[in-house]
Structures are given as C-alpha cells and as structure tokens.
C-alpha cells in the first residue's frame, strides 16, 4: 500500500464491485498534504513528507526506561526518517529487505544520525524492508 499525496490511497477494497479497486481517499483526518500524518492506536506515527519519503516514529513518546531497540518496516521509500527515541547518537543500524524477518541485508547509500532520537536512511532507488536500531 502506498500513499500518494493528492492521489488515491489503495486500501485493498473494490469500487463498483470490481476486484482490486481503490478507496478514492484523497485525505486522511482532514489532511491533504504536503505532509500527512497517520497515528495508530499503538502510538506509532507514519508521516508522508513527499514522494517516496516517510517518517515512522513513536508519535512524540520515548521508549520506557531500559529500552535499547527500535524496529520498523517500510515500503517503497527512497529516503525516510525514523524516530527511534533511544536518546543516544551511539546507535547500530541494520537494514534488511524482508519486513517480516530474515532476508538480505540492505546497504543504504546514507545512514544519517540526525539527533539522539532520529536516524535517516537514503537509498538510490525506492526500497522496502525493515530497519532495526540498537542504542
């Protein structure tokens, strides 16, 4: 499933009884872009900041005391910022191509430690997978 700002969001439903249709959604909670934020019940937020760009994070919260790992799946991004909330610039970042586990290791073109709570990944073309950050 991909989000295209100002376009149709596919949710796997159907339109007019034909299979594989789209929902026709052009906004989420009144937001139409250029930035759209989705916050789930678990507090995880997904922010679409542009074509092939997302930010996945903990929606303003930080992990509980003693937490030292953050993991998130991503889909078709050329770059993305991840809010890990570990509170340290000393992190180890692992990226693989299978969002559900295992798979090949991916080597991003850039891994940027933006701050003690954020890292950014940059790929030369859109990738899908999973990032694991240890702090």
Protein backbone atom coordinates (compact mmCIF):
# COMPACT_ATOMS: atom_id res chain seq x y z
CA UNK A 1 0.00 0.00 0.00
CA UNK A 2 1.41 3.38 -0.91
CA UNK A 3 0.34 6.92 -0.19
CA UNK A 4 0.45 9.44 -2.97
CA UNK A 5 -0.44 12.92 -1.78
CA UNK A 6 -3.35 14.29 -3.75
CA UNK A 7 -3.95 10.92 -5.35
CA UNK A 8 -5.82 7.74 -4.48
CA UNK A 9 -4.89 5.62 -1.46
CA UNK A 10 -5.30 1.91 -2.14
CA UNK A 11 -6.79 0.03 0.79
CA UNK A 12 -7.45 -3.26 -0.98
CA UNK A 13 -11.18 -2.68 -1.34
CA UNK A 14 -13.13 -2.50 -4.53
CA UNK A 15 -15.06 0.18 -6.34
CA UNK A 16 -18.30 -0.69 -8.11
CA UNK A 17 -17.97 -4.39 -7.30
CA UNK A 18 -14.83 -4.93 -9.38
CA UNK A 19 -11.89 -6.55 -7.62
CA UNK A 20 -8.68 -4.74 -6.75
CA UNK A 21 -10.16 -1.24 -6.78
CA UNK A 22 -9.13 1.78 -4.75
CA UNK A 23 -10.80 3.58 -1.91
CA UNK A 24 -10.83 7.01 -3.54
CA UNK A 25 -9.43 8.58 -0.35
CA UNK A 26 -7.62 11.84 -1.07
CA UNK A 27 -7.12 12.98 2.52
CA UNK A 28 -6.64 11.47 5.96
CA UNK A 29 -8.28 13.11 9.00
CA UNK A 30 -8.69 16.32 7.03
CA UNK A 31 -5.02 16.46 6.00
CA UNK A 32 -4.29 16.69 2.28
CA UNK A 33 -0.56 17.45 2.23
CA UNK A 34 2.11 18.27 1.52
CA UNK A 35 2.54 16.39 4.82
CA UNK A 36 0.07 13.74 6.00
CA UNK A 37 0.38 12.05 9.42
CA UNK A 38 -1.24 8.75 10.42
CA UNK A 39 -1.13 7.83 14.14
CA UNK A 40 -2.11 4.30 15.10
CA UNK A 41 -3.65 3.09 18.35
CA UNK A 42 -0.22 1.87 19.48
CA UNK A 43 1.19 5.42 19.21
CA UNK A 44 3.27 4.66 16.12
CA UNK A 45 3.08 7.51 13.63
CA UNK A 46 3.65 7.41 9.88
CA UNK A 47 4.27 10.78 8.23
CA UNK A 48 4.23 11.08 4.43
CA UNK A 49 6.50 14.05 3.68
CA UNK A 50 6.74 13.73 -0.11
CA UNK A 51 7.05 11.26 -2.97
CA UNK A 52 8.93 8.16 -1.73
CA UNK A 53 9.57 9.81 1.68
CA UNK A 54 8.12 8.70 5.02
CA UNK A 55 8.90 9.11 8.71
CA UNK A 56 8.00 6.32 11.12
CA UNK A 57 8.14 7.07 14.84
CA UNK A 58 6.71 6.83 18.29
CA UNK A 59 4.40 9.86 18.00
CA UNK A 60 6.17 12.09 20.48
CA UNK A 61 6.88 9.41 23.07
CA UNK A 62 10.12 7.71 24.00
CA UNK A 63 10.64 4.06 24.92
CA UNK A 64 10.37 3.04 28.54
CA UNK A 65 13.46 3.02 30.71
CA UNK A 66 15.95 0.35 29.69
CA UNK A 67 14.63 0.04 26.14
CA UNK A 68 17.51 -0.31 23.70
CA UNK A 69 15.90 -1.39 20.41
CA UNK A 70 13.63 0.13 17.79
CA UNK A 71 12.35 -1.70 14.70
CA UNK A 72 10.03 -0.60 11.90
CA UNK A 73 9.02 -1.84 8.47
CA UNK A 74 8.96 0.49 5.47
CA UNK A 75 7.65 0.24 1.94
CA UNK A 76 8.93 1.77 -1.31
CA UNK A 77 10.93 4.66 0.12
CA UNK A 78 13.90 6.44 -1.44
CA UNK A 79 14.51 8.19 1.89
CA UNK A 80 12.93 8.09 5.29
CA UNK A 81 13.47 9.43 8.79
CA UNK A 82 12.86 7.09 11.72
CA UNK A 83 12.13 8.35 15.24
CA UNK A 84 13.69 5.67 17.45
CA UNK A 85 13.55 7.61 20.74
CA UNK A 86 16.62 5.84 22.18
CA UNK A 87 18.21 9.11 23.32
CA UNK A 88 21.73 8.42 22.01
CA UNK A 89 23.84 9.20 18.95
CA UNK A 90 25.68 5.88 19.54
CA UNK A 91 23.43 3.56 17.55
CA UNK A 92 23.85 0.48 15.40
CA UNK A 93 21.58 0.39 12.35
CA UNK A 94 20.64 -2.77 10.46
CA UNK A 95 18.51 -2.72 7.31
CA UNK A 96 17.14 -5.79 5.51
CA UNK A 97 14.87 -6.38 2.55
CA UNK A 98 12.25 -8.56 4.26
CA UNK A 99 9.89 -6.58 6.54
CA UNK A 100 8.69 -9.73 8.34
CA UNK A 101 12.13 -11.09 9.28
CA UNK A 102 15.23 -12.66 7.73
CA UNK A 103 16.17 -11.65 4.22
CA UNK A 104 19.15 -9.93 2.65
CA UNK A 105 20.93 -7.05 4.35
CA UNK A 106 20.46 -3.77 2.51
CA UNK A 107 23.22 -1.19 2.42
CA UNK A 108 21.65 2.29 2.19
CA UNK A 109 23.52 4.99 0.28
CA UNK A 110 23.48 7.03 3.50
CA UNK A 111 22.64 6.38 7.13
CA UNK A 112 22.44 9.72 8.91
CA UNK A 113 22.27 10.03 12.70
CA UNK A 114 20.22 13.23 12.76
CA UNK A 115 19.91 13.54 16.55
CA UNK A 116 19.84 11.32 19.66
CA UNK A 117 16.29 10.24 18.68
CA UNK A 118 16.26 10.28 14.84
CA UNK A 119 18.09 8.49 12.02
CA UNK A 120 17.59 8.89 8.27
CA UNK A 121 18.08 6.30 5.53
CA UNK A 122 18.74 7.26 1.91
CA UNK A 123 18.60 4.78 -1.00
CA UNK A 124 19.49 5.37 -4.66
CA UNK A 125 16.05 3.98 -5.63
CA UNK A 126 12.94 3.06 -3.60
CA UNK A 127 13.34 0.07 -1.28
CA UNK A 128 11.07 -1.92 1.02
CA UNK A 129 12.21 -3.69 4.15
CA UNK A 130 12.83 -3.34 7.86
CA UNK A 131 15.18 -1.18 9.92
CA UNK A 132 16.44 -2.24 13.35
CA UNK A 133 18.19 0.36 15.52
CA UNK A 134 20.11 -0.59 18.65
CA UNK A 135 21.21 2.02 21.18
